[in-house]
Amino acid sequence: MPLPEHATVMMLDCITDDDVGRKLRVAGRMLTYDPATALVLLSFSSHGLLVDVSLVIDPDAVLSSAKWGGTLDPNVDHNWMHERKAWVWVMGWLESSEGLRIPEPPPYTSPLDVDPMIVLKALNVTPARDLDVAGLRSALAMVGETPPTTYPI
């Protein structure tokens, strides 16, 4: 049996159209979640990325007020969907889209540079509460995945 393709860890602000078709692992702040479209607006710095979470959410679990019961799996943390500006890791395939509608960001955020023609089809979303963004950027710069940053993050 062949091994699954690995996901390339990337900074959200380094994703371009050239990355379409790649399996990526990206960290960012979850700004909005639209249950009607299952789209999340993920942000980092002044950049945004649309994430389709339709494959990784259990709508019954998300809408349930109970902490655990019914179809809600106690081993899956769905709290990231309710925590705005929480850091999350998203792994999935970057795909072209047909110009998705960008969800309205919260009023307390700065305008984001979002490409509506690309979307990350999430296979996994996990909270990243203790994420060291500067350390991540530094590590990726050392392996050549992202240009070094000289300004504070």
C-alpha atoms as a PDB file:
ATOM      1  CA  MET A   1       0.000   0.000   0.000  1.00  0.00           C
ATOM      2  CA  PRO A   2       1.507   3.377  -0.973  1.00  0.00           C
ATOM      3  CA  LEU A   3       2.034   5.990   1.702  1.00  0.00           C
ATOM      4  CA  PRO A   4      -0.225   9.062   1.619  1.00  0.00           C
ATOM      5  CA  GLU A   5       1.319  12.200   0.186  1.00  0.00           C
ATOM      6  CA  HIS A   6       2.845  14.423   2.829  1.00  0.00           C
ATOM      7  CA  ALA A   7       1.579  17.940   3.422  1.00  0.00           C
ATOM      8  CA  THR A   8       4.005  20.821   2.959  1.00  0.00           C
ATOM      9  CA  VAL A   9       4.031  23.223   5.895  1.00  0.00           C
ATOM     10  CA  MET A  10       3.692  26.790   4.586  1.00  0.00           C
ATOM     11  CA  MET A  11       3.099  30.225   5.967  1.00  0.00           C
ATOM     12  CA  LEU A  12      -0.293  31.513   4.847  1.00  0.00           C
ATOM     13  CA  ASP A  13       1.210  34.694   3.438  1.00  0.00           C
ATOM     14  CA  CYS A  14       3.450  32.654   1.098  1.00  0.00           C
ATOM     15  CA  ILE A  15       0.646  30.761  -0.683  1.00  0.00           C
ATOM     16  CA  THR A  16       0.223  31.627  -4.379  1.00  0.00           C
ATOM     17  CA  ASP A  17      -1.630  30.294  -7.420  1.00  0.00           C
ATOM     18  CA  ASP A  18       1.459  28.184  -8.147  1.00  0.00           C
ATOM     19  CA  ASP A  19       0.631  26.065  -5.072  1.00  0.00           C
ATOM     20  CA  VAL A  20      -2.727  24.883  -6.458  1.00  0.00           C
ATOM     21  CA  GLY A  21      -2.753  21.081  -6.480  1.00  0.00           C
ATOM     22  CA  ARG A  22      -0.427  20.757  -3.483  1.00  0.00           C
ATOM     23  CA  LYS A  23      -1.281  19.264  -0.113  1.00  0.00           C
ATOM     24  CA  LEU A  24      -0.516  21.972   2.460  1.00  0.00           C
ATOM     25  CA  ARG A  25      -0.463  22.390   6.213  1.00  0.00           C
ATOM     26  CA  VAL A  26      -1.121  26.025   7.133  1.00  0.00           C
ATOM     27  CA  ALA A  27      -1.523  27.877  10.411  1.00  0.00           C
ATOM     28  CA  GLY A  28      -3.693  30.943  10.778  1.00  0.00           C
ATOM     29  CA  ARG A  29      -6.306  32.713  12.836  1.00  0.00           C
ATOM     30  CA  MET A  30      -9.879  31.636  12.212  1.00  0.00           C
ATOM     31  CA  LEU A  31     -11.831  34.863  11.662  1.00  0.00           C
ATOM     32  CA  THR A  32     -15.190  33.674  10.375  1.00  0.00           C
ATOM     33  CA  TYR A  33     -17.135  30.482   9.846  1.00  0.00           C
ATOM     34  CA  ASP A  34     -20.154  30.435   7.543  1.00  0.00           C
ATOM     35  CA  PRO A  35     -22.273  27.333   8.276  1.00  0.00           C
ATOM     36  CA  ALA A  36     -24.295  27.774   5.058  1.00  0.00           C
ATOM     37  CA  THR A  37     -21.210  27.398   2.832  1.00  0.00           C
ATOM     38  CA  ALA A  38     -18.864  25.635   5.307  1.00  0.00           C
ATOM     39  CA  LEU A  39     -16.249  28.289   4.513  1.00  0.00           C
ATOM     40  CA  VAL A  40     -13.747  29.564   7.038  1.00  0.00           C
ATOM     41  CA  LEU A  41     -11.780  32.744   6.539  1.00  0.00           C
ATOM     42  CA  LEU A  42      -8.283  32.066   7.842  1.00  0.00           C
ATOM     43  CA  SER A  43      -5.879  34.974   8.327  1.00  0.00           C
ATOM     44  CA  PHE A  44      -2.262  35.706   9.007  1.00  0.00           C
ATOM     45  CA  SER A  45      -0.820  39.206   8.966  1.00  0.00           C
ATOM     46  CA  SER A  46      -2.698  41.021   6.173  1.00  0.00           C
ATOM     47  CA  HIS A  47      -3.348  37.853   4.159  1.00  0.00           C
ATOM     48  CA  GLY A  48      -6.420  35.657   4.131  1.00  0.00           C
ATOM     49  CA  LEU A  49      -7.263  32.211   2.800  1.00  0.00           C
ATOM     50  CA  LEU A  50     -10.634  30.605   2.170  1.00  0.00           C
ATOM     51  CA  VAL A  51     -10.906  27.133   3.710  1.00  0.00           C
ATOM     52  CA  ASP A  52     -13.673  24.673   2.870  1.00  0.00           C
ATOM     53  CA  VAL A  53     -14.287  22.672   6.065  1.00  0.00           C
ATOM     54  CA  SER A  54     -17.261  20.678   4.778  1.00  0.00           C
ATOM     55  CA  LEU A  55     -15.325  17.381   4.999  1.00  0.00           C
ATOM     56  CA  VAL A  56     -14.133  17.842   8.579  1.00  0.00           C
ATOM     57  CA  ILE A  57     -17.127  19.129  10.502  1.00  0.00           C
ATOM     58  CA  ASP A  58     -20.077  17.343  11.972  1.00  0.00           C
ATOM     59  CA  PRO A  59     -22.933  19.880  11.673  1.00  0.00           C
ATOM     60  CA  ASP A  60     -24.835  18.155  14.482  1.00  0.00           C
ATOM     61  CA  ALA A  61     -21.826  18.499  16.759  1.00  0.00           C
ATOM     62  CA  VAL A  62     -21.283  22.134  15.889  1.00  0.00           C
ATOM     63  CA  LEU A  63     -24.903  23.091  16.491  1.00  0.00           C
ATOM     64  CA  SER A  64     -25.233  20.988  19.636  1.00  0.00           C
ATOM     65  CA  SER A  65     -25.265  22.870  22.908  1.00  0.00           C
ATOM     66  CA  ALA A  66     -24.270  19.707  24.745  1.00  0.00           C
ATOM     67  CA  LYS A  67     -20.597  19.143  25.371  1.00  0.00           C
ATOM     68  CA  TRP A  68     -20.894  15.489  24.413  1.00  0.00           C
ATOM     69  CA  GLY A  69     -23.837  13.452  23.324  1.00  0.00           C
ATOM     70  CA  GLY A  70     -25.643  12.288  20.238  1.00  0.00           C
ATOM     71  CA  THR A  71     -23.245  12.293  17.286  1.00  0.00           C
ATOM     72  CA  LEU A  72     -20.661  14.530  18.963  1.00  0.00           C
ATOM     73  CA  ASP A  73     -17.379  12.604  19.202  1.00  0.00           C
ATOM     74  CA  PRO A  74     -15.635  13.341  22.533  1.00  0.00           C
ATOM     75  CA  ASN A  75     -12.250  12.789  20.833  1.00  0.00           C
ATOM     76  CA  VAL A  76     -12.755  15.621  18.329  1.00  0.00           C
ATOM     77  CA  ASP A  77     -12.279  19.230  19.377  1.00  0.00           C
ATOM     78  CA  HIS A  78     -14.865  21.384  17.573  1.00  0.00           C
ATOM     79  CA  ASN A  79     -14.302  24.397  19.829  1.00  0.00           C
ATOM     80  CA  TRP A  80     -12.127  26.126  17.220  1.00  0.00           C
ATOM     81  CA  MET A  81     -15.312  26.840  15.263  1.00  0.00           C
ATOM     82  CA  HIS A  82     -16.659  29.019  18.065  1.00  0.00           C
ATOM     83  CA  GLU A  83     -13.423  30.798  19.002  1.00  0.00           C
ATOM     84  CA  ARG A  84     -12.840  33.783  16.732  1.00  0.00           C
ATOM     85  CA  LYS A  85      -9.204  34.760  16.172  1.00  0.00           C
ATOM     86  CA  ALA A  86      -8.088  31.395  17.566  1.00  0.00           C
ATOM     87  CA  TRP A  87      -5.001  29.864  15.956  1.00  0.00           C
ATOM     88  CA  VAL A  88      -5.653  26.643  14.037  1.00  0.00           C
ATOM     89  CA  TRP A  89      -3.672  24.238  11.886  1.00  0.00           C
ATOM     90  CA  VAL A  90      -5.376  23.268   8.632  1.00  0.00           C
ATOM     91  CA  MET A  91      -4.213  20.442   6.399  1.00  0.00           C
ATOM     92  CA  GLY A  92      -5.729  19.956   2.967  1.00  0.00           C
ATOM     93  CA  TRP A  93      -5.486  20.314  -0.793  1.00  0.00           C
ATOM     94  CA  LEU A  94      -5.219  23.758  -2.341  1.00  0.00           C
ATOM     95  CA  GLU A  95      -7.662  23.940  -5.245  1.00  0.00           C
ATOM     96  CA  SER A  96      -8.883  26.436  -7.793  1.00  0.00           C
ATOM     97  CA  SER A  97     -12.376  27.760  -7.275  1.00  0.00           C
ATOM     98  CA  GLU A  98     -14.881  29.673  -9.343  1.00  0.00           C
ATOM     99  CA  GLY A  99     -14.664  32.923  -7.442  1.00  0.00           C
ATOM    100  CA  LEU A 100     -16.124  32.132  -4.035  1.00  0.00           C
ATOM    101  CA  ARG A 101     -17.847  34.834  -2.032  1.00  0.00           C
ATOM    102  CA  ILE A 102     -15.475  35.995   0.674  1.00  0.00           C
ATOM    103  CA  PRO A 103     -17.178  35.981   4.086  1.00  0.00           C
ATOM    104  CA  GLU A 104     -17.379  39.383   5.744  1.00  0.00           C
ATOM    105  CA  PRO A 105     -14.509  39.670   8.246  1.00  0.00           C
ATOM    106  CA  PRO A 106     -15.257  40.944  11.731  1.00  0.00           C
ATOM    107  CA  PRO A 107     -15.294  44.752  12.048  1.00  0.00           C
ATOM    108  CA  TYR A 108     -12.319  44.755  14.422  1.00  0.00           C
ATOM    109  CA  THR A 109      -9.940  43.333  11.790  1.00  0.00           C
ATOM    110  CA  SER A 110      -7.861  45.098   9.175  1.00  0.00           C
ATOM    111  CA  PRO A 111      -8.700  44.534   5.491  1.00  0.00           C
ATOM    112  CA  LEU A 112      -7.274  41.259   4.186  1.00  0.00           C
ATOM    113  CA  ASP A 113      -5.740  40.297   0.864  1.00  0.00           C
ATOM    114  CA  VAL A 114      -7.842  37.228  -0.060  1.00  0.00           C
ATOM    115  CA  ASP A 115      -7.793  35.440  -3.417  1.00  0.00           C
ATOM    116  CA  PRO A 116     -11.371  34.211  -4.090  1.00  0.00           C
ATOM    117  CA  MET A 117     -10.046  31.947  -6.861  1.00  0.00           C
ATOM    118  CA  ILE A 118      -8.247  29.513  -4.523  1.00  0.00           C
ATOM    119  CA  VAL A 119      -9.574  27.490  -1.612  1.00  0.00           C
ATOM    120  CA  LEU A 120      -7.982  25.021   0.778  1.00  0.00           C
ATOM    121  CA  LYS A 121     -10.145  21.863   0.971  1.00  0.00           C
ATOM    122  CA  ALA A 122      -9.535  20.891   4.585  1.00  0.00           C
ATOM    123  CA  LEU A 123      -8.865  17.283   5.541  1.00  0.00           C
ATOM    124  CA  ASN A 124      -8.056  18.152   9.142  1.00  0.00           C
ATOM    125  CA  VAL A 125      -8.436  21.214  11.369  1.00  0.00           C
ATOM    126  CA  THR A 126      -6.904  21.291  14.833  1.00  0.00           C
ATOM    127  CA  PRO A 127      -6.474  24.024  17.436  1.00  0.00           C
ATOM    128  CA  ALA A 128      -2.972  25.527  17.639  1.00  0.00           C
ATOM    129  CA  ARG A 129      -3.229  27.288  20.977  1.00  0.00           C
ATOM    130  CA  ASP A 130       0.511  27.323  21.758  1.00  0.00           C
ATOM    131  CA  LEU A 131       1.716  28.147  18.252  1.00  0.00           C
ATOM    132  CA  ASP A 132       5.011  30.043  18.108  1.00  0.00           C
ATOM    133  CA  VAL A 133       4.552  31.934  14.812  1.00  0.00           C
ATOM    134  CA  ALA A 134       7.999  33.554  14.869  1.00  0.00           C
ATOM    135  CA  GLY A 135       9.597  30.170  15.563  1.00  0.00           C
ATOM    136  CA  LEU A 136       7.601  28.549  12.772  1.00  0.00           C
ATOM    137  CA  ARG A 137       8.610  31.246  10.271  1.00  0.00           C
ATOM    138  CA  SER A 138      12.245  30.916  11.352  1.00  0.00           C
ATOM    139  CA  ALA A 139      12.200  27.123  10.994  1.00  0.00           C
ATOM    140  CA  LEU A 140      10.598  27.314   7.540  1.00  0.00           C
ATOM    141  CA  ALA A 141      13.129  29.932   6.460  1.00  0.00           C
ATOM    142  CA  MET A 142      15.944  27.586   7.484  1.00  0.00           C
ATOM    143  CA  VAL A 143      14.575  24.791   5.270  1.00  0.00           C
ATOM    144  CA  GLY A 144      13.845  27.186   2.414  1.00  0.00           C
ATOM    145  CA  GLU A 145      10.028  27.116   2.445  1.00  0.00           C
ATOM    146  CA  THR A 146       9.593  30.816   3.133  1.00  0.00           C
ATOM    147  CA  PRO A 147      11.737  33.920   2.750  1.00  0.00           C
ATOM    148  CA  PRO A 148      13.321  35.198   5.955  1.00  0.00           C
ATOM    149  CA  THR A 149      11.473  38.008   7.706  1.00  0.00           C
ATOM    150  CA  THR A 150      13.403  40.922   9.105  1.00  0.00           C
ATOM    151  CA  TYR A 151      10.445  42.753  10.662  1.00  0.00           C
ATOM    152  CA  PRO A 152       8.581  41.709  13.837  1.00  0.00           C
ATOM    153  CA  ILE A 153       5.493  39.550  13.375  1.00  0.00           C
END
